[in-house]
């Protein structure tokens, strides 16, 4: 099929495969950053929850004394 003017990579799908690999790589990098942010936010929520529990315990102790 060389007479049609289409490069061999176009027929074999090599270009599309390469583009797909790059797209997957880009997606995975974005997903990794998003996962890291979610883990960070989860830890922040955990810390804030602990602070709130300590504050409630302090208020209860203060009310009993």
N, C-alpha and C. Protein backbone atom coordinates (compact mmCIF):
# COMPACT_ATOMS: atom_id res chain seq x y z
N UNK A 1 0.79 -1.19 0.00
CA UNK A 1 0.00 0.00 0.00
C UNK A 1 0.84 1.27 0.00
N UNK A 2 2.13 1.21 -0.27
CA UNK A 2 2.94 2.41 -0.29
C UNK A 2 2.47 3.42 -1.33
N UNK A 3 1.80 3.00 -2.38
CA UNK A 3 1.37 3.93 -3.41
C UNK A 3 0.26 4.87 -2.94
N UNK A 4 -0.39 4.58 -1.81
CA UNK A 4 -1.48 5.43 -1.33
C UNK A 4 -0.97 6.67 -0.62
N UNK A 5 0.29 6.72 -0.29
CA UNK A 5 0.85 7.89 0.36
C UNK A 5 0.67 7.90 1.88
N UNK A 6 0.12 6.84 2.44
CA UNK A 6 -0.05 6.75 3.89
C UNK A 6 1.20 6.10 4.46
N UNK A 7 1.85 6.74 5.45
CA UNK A 7 3.05 6.13 6.03
C UNK A 7 2.72 4.80 6.71
N UNK A 8 3.72 3.94 6.76
CA UNK A 8 3.52 2.61 7.33
C UNK A 8 3.03 2.69 8.78
N UNK A 9 3.51 3.67 9.55
CA UNK A 9 3.06 3.84 10.92
C UNK A 9 1.57 4.07 11.01
N UNK A 10 1.00 4.70 10.01
CA UNK A 10 -0.44 4.94 9.99
C UNK A 10 -1.22 3.66 9.82
N UNK A 11 -0.67 2.72 9.06
CA UNK A 11 -1.35 1.45 8.84
C UNK A 11 -1.17 0.51 10.02
N UNK A 12 0.00 0.56 10.62
CA UNK A 12 0.27 -0.38 11.70
C UNK A 12 -0.34 0.07 13.03
N UNK A 13 -0.69 1.34 13.13
CA UNK A 13 -1.25 1.84 14.37
C UNK A 13 -0.19 2.26 15.37
N UNK A 14 1.08 2.31 14.93
CA UNK A 14 2.17 2.66 15.84
C UNK A 14 2.00 4.08 16.38
N UNK A 15 1.58 4.99 15.54
CA UNK A 15 1.38 6.37 15.98
C UNK A 15 0.26 6.47 17.01
N UNK A 16 -0.84 5.77 16.74
CA UNK A 16 -1.96 5.79 17.67
C UNK A 16 -1.58 5.13 19.00
N UNK A 17 -0.81 4.07 18.91
CA UNK A 17 -0.37 3.38 20.13
C UNK A 17 0.53 4.28 20.95
N UNK A 18 1.44 4.97 20.29
CA UNK A 18 2.34 5.90 20.99
C UNK A 18 1.53 7.02 21.65
N UNK A 19 0.57 7.57 20.91
CA UNK A 19 -0.28 8.63 21.45
C UNK A 19 -1.09 8.13 22.65
N UNK A 20 -1.59 6.91 22.57
CA UNK A 20 -2.35 6.32 23.68
C UNK A 20 -1.46 6.16 24.91
N UNK A 21 -0.23 5.71 24.71
CA UNK A 21 0.70 5.55 25.84
C UNK A 21 0.99 6.90 26.50
N UNK A 22 1.17 7.94 25.70
CA UNK A 22 1.42 9.28 26.24
C UNK A 22 0.20 9.79 27.01
N UNK A 23 -0.98 9.53 26.47
CA UNK A 23 -2.21 9.96 27.15
C UNK A 23 -2.38 9.24 28.48
N UNK A 24 -2.11 7.96 28.50
CA UNK A 24 -2.21 7.18 29.74
C UNK A 24 -1.19 7.67 30.75
N UNK A 25 0.02 7.97 30.29
CA UNK A 25 1.07 8.47 31.18
C UNK A 25 0.65 9.80 31.80
N UNK A 26 0.12 10.70 30.98
CA UNK A 26 -0.34 12.00 31.47
C UNK A 26 -1.47 11.83 32.48
N UNK A 27 -2.41 10.94 32.17
CA UNK A 27 -3.53 10.68 33.08
C UNK A 27 -3.03 10.14 34.41
N UNK A 28 -2.12 9.20 34.37
CA UNK A 28 -1.59 8.60 35.60
C UNK A 28 -0.86 9.62 36.46
N UNK A 29 -0.12 10.53 35.83
CA UNK A 29 0.56 11.58 36.59
C UNK A 29 -0.45 12.48 37.29
N UNK A 30 -1.52 12.83 36.59
CA UNK A 30 -2.57 13.65 37.20
C UNK A 30 -3.28 12.91 38.33
N UNK A 31 -3.56 11.64 38.12
CA UNK A 31 -4.23 10.84 39.15
C UNK A 31 -3.33 10.69 40.39
N UNK A 32 -2.04 10.58 40.18
CA UNK A 32 -1.10 10.47 41.30
C UNK A 32 -1.10 11.75 42.13
N UNK A 33 -1.09 12.90 41.45
CA UNK A 33 -1.13 14.18 42.18
C UNK A 33 -2.45 14.32 42.94
N UNK A 34 -3.54 13.92 42.32
CA UNK A 34 -4.84 14.02 42.97
C UNK A 34 -4.91 13.11 44.19
N UNK A 35 -4.38 11.91 44.08
CA UNK A 35 -4.36 10.98 45.21
C UNK A 35 -3.54 11.54 46.36
N UNK A 36 -2.40 12.14 46.05
CA UNK A 36 -1.56 12.73 47.10
C UNK A 36 -2.31 13.85 47.82
N UNK A 37 -3.02 14.68 47.07
CA UNK A 37 -3.79 15.77 47.69
C UNK A 37 -4.91 15.22 48.56
N UNK A 38 -5.59 14.17 48.11
CA UNK A 38 -6.66 13.58 48.90
C UNK A 38 -6.13 12.98 50.20
N UNK A 39 -4.98 12.35 50.14
CA UNK A 39 -4.37 11.80 51.36
C UNK A 39 -4.02 12.93 52.32
N UNK A 40 -3.46 14.02 51.78
CA UNK A 40 -3.12 15.17 52.61
C UNK A 40 -4.38 15.76 53.26
N UNK A 41 -5.44 15.90 52.51
CA UNK A 41 -6.69 16.44 53.05
C UNK A 41 -7.28 15.51 54.11
N UNK A 42 -7.17 14.21 53.89
CA UNK A 42 -7.68 13.25 54.87
C UNK A 42 -6.94 13.39 56.19
N UNK A 43 -5.62 13.56 56.13
CA UNK A 43 -4.84 13.75 57.36
C UNK A 43 -5.23 15.06 58.06
N UNK A 44 -5.47 16.09 57.27
CA UNK A 44 -5.88 17.37 57.86
C UNK A 44 -7.23 17.23 58.58
N UNK A 45 -8.15 16.52 57.97
CA UNK A 45 -9.46 16.29 58.59
C UNK A 45 -9.28 15.48 59.87
N UNK A 46 -8.41 14.50 59.86
CA UNK A 46 -8.15 13.68 61.05
C UNK A 46 -7.61 14.55 62.19
N UNK A 47 -6.66 15.41 61.88
CA UNK A 47 -6.07 16.28 62.90
C UNK A 47 -7.14 17.22 63.46
N UNK A 48 -7.93 17.83 62.58
CA UNK A 48 -8.96 18.75 63.04
C UNK A 48 -10.02 18.04 63.88
N UNK A 49 -10.34 16.81 63.52
CA UNK A 49 -11.29 16.03 64.32
C UNK A 49 -10.72 15.77 65.71
N UNK A 50 -9.43 15.44 65.78
CA UNK A 50 -8.77 15.23 67.07
C UNK A 50 -8.80 16.49 67.92
N UNK A 51 -8.55 17.63 67.31
CA UNK A 51 -8.60 18.90 68.04
C UNK A 51 -10.01 19.14 68.58
N UNK A 52 -11.02 18.86 67.77
CA UNK A 52 -12.39 19.05 68.21
C UNK A 52 -12.74 18.12 69.38
N UNK A 53 -12.29 16.88 69.33
CA UNK A 53 -12.55 15.93 70.42
C UNK A 53 -11.89 16.42 71.70
N UNK A 54 -10.65 16.89 71.59
CA UNK A 54 -9.97 17.42 72.77
C UNK A 54 -10.70 18.64 73.34
N UNK A 55 -11.19 19.49 72.47
CA UNK A 55 -11.94 20.67 72.92
C UNK A 55 -13.22 20.27 73.64
N UNK A 56 -13.95 19.30 73.11
CA UNK A 56 -15.17 18.83 73.77
C UNK A 56 -14.83 18.20 75.12
N UNK A 57 -13.78 17.39 75.16
CA UNK A 57 -13.37 16.78 76.43
C UNK A 57 -13.01 17.86 77.44
N UNK A 58 -12.32 18.91 77.00
CA UNK A 58 -11.96 20.02 77.88
C UNK A 58 -13.21 20.71 78.42
N UNK A 59 -14.17 20.94 77.55
CA UNK A 59 -15.41 21.60 77.97
C UNK A 59 -16.18 20.75 78.98
N UNK A 60 -16.22 19.45 78.75
CA UNK A 60 -16.92 18.56 79.67
C UNK A 60 -16.20 18.54 81.03
N UNK A 61 -14.87 18.43 81.00
CA UNK A 61 -14.11 18.41 82.26
C UNK A 61 -14.27 19.72 83.01
N UNK A 62 -14.25 20.82 82.25
CA UNK A 62 -14.40 22.13 82.86
C UNK A 62 -15.79 22.29 83.50
N UNK A 63 -16.80 21.70 82.89
CA UNK A 63 -18.16 21.78 83.42
C UNK A 63 -18.36 20.92 84.65
N UNK A 64 -17.60 19.85 84.78
CA UNK A 64 -17.74 18.95 85.94
C UNK A 64 -17.00 19.47 87.15
N UNK A 65 -16.01 20.28 86.96
CA UNK A 65 -15.20 20.76 88.09
C UNK A 65 -15.69 22.07 88.65
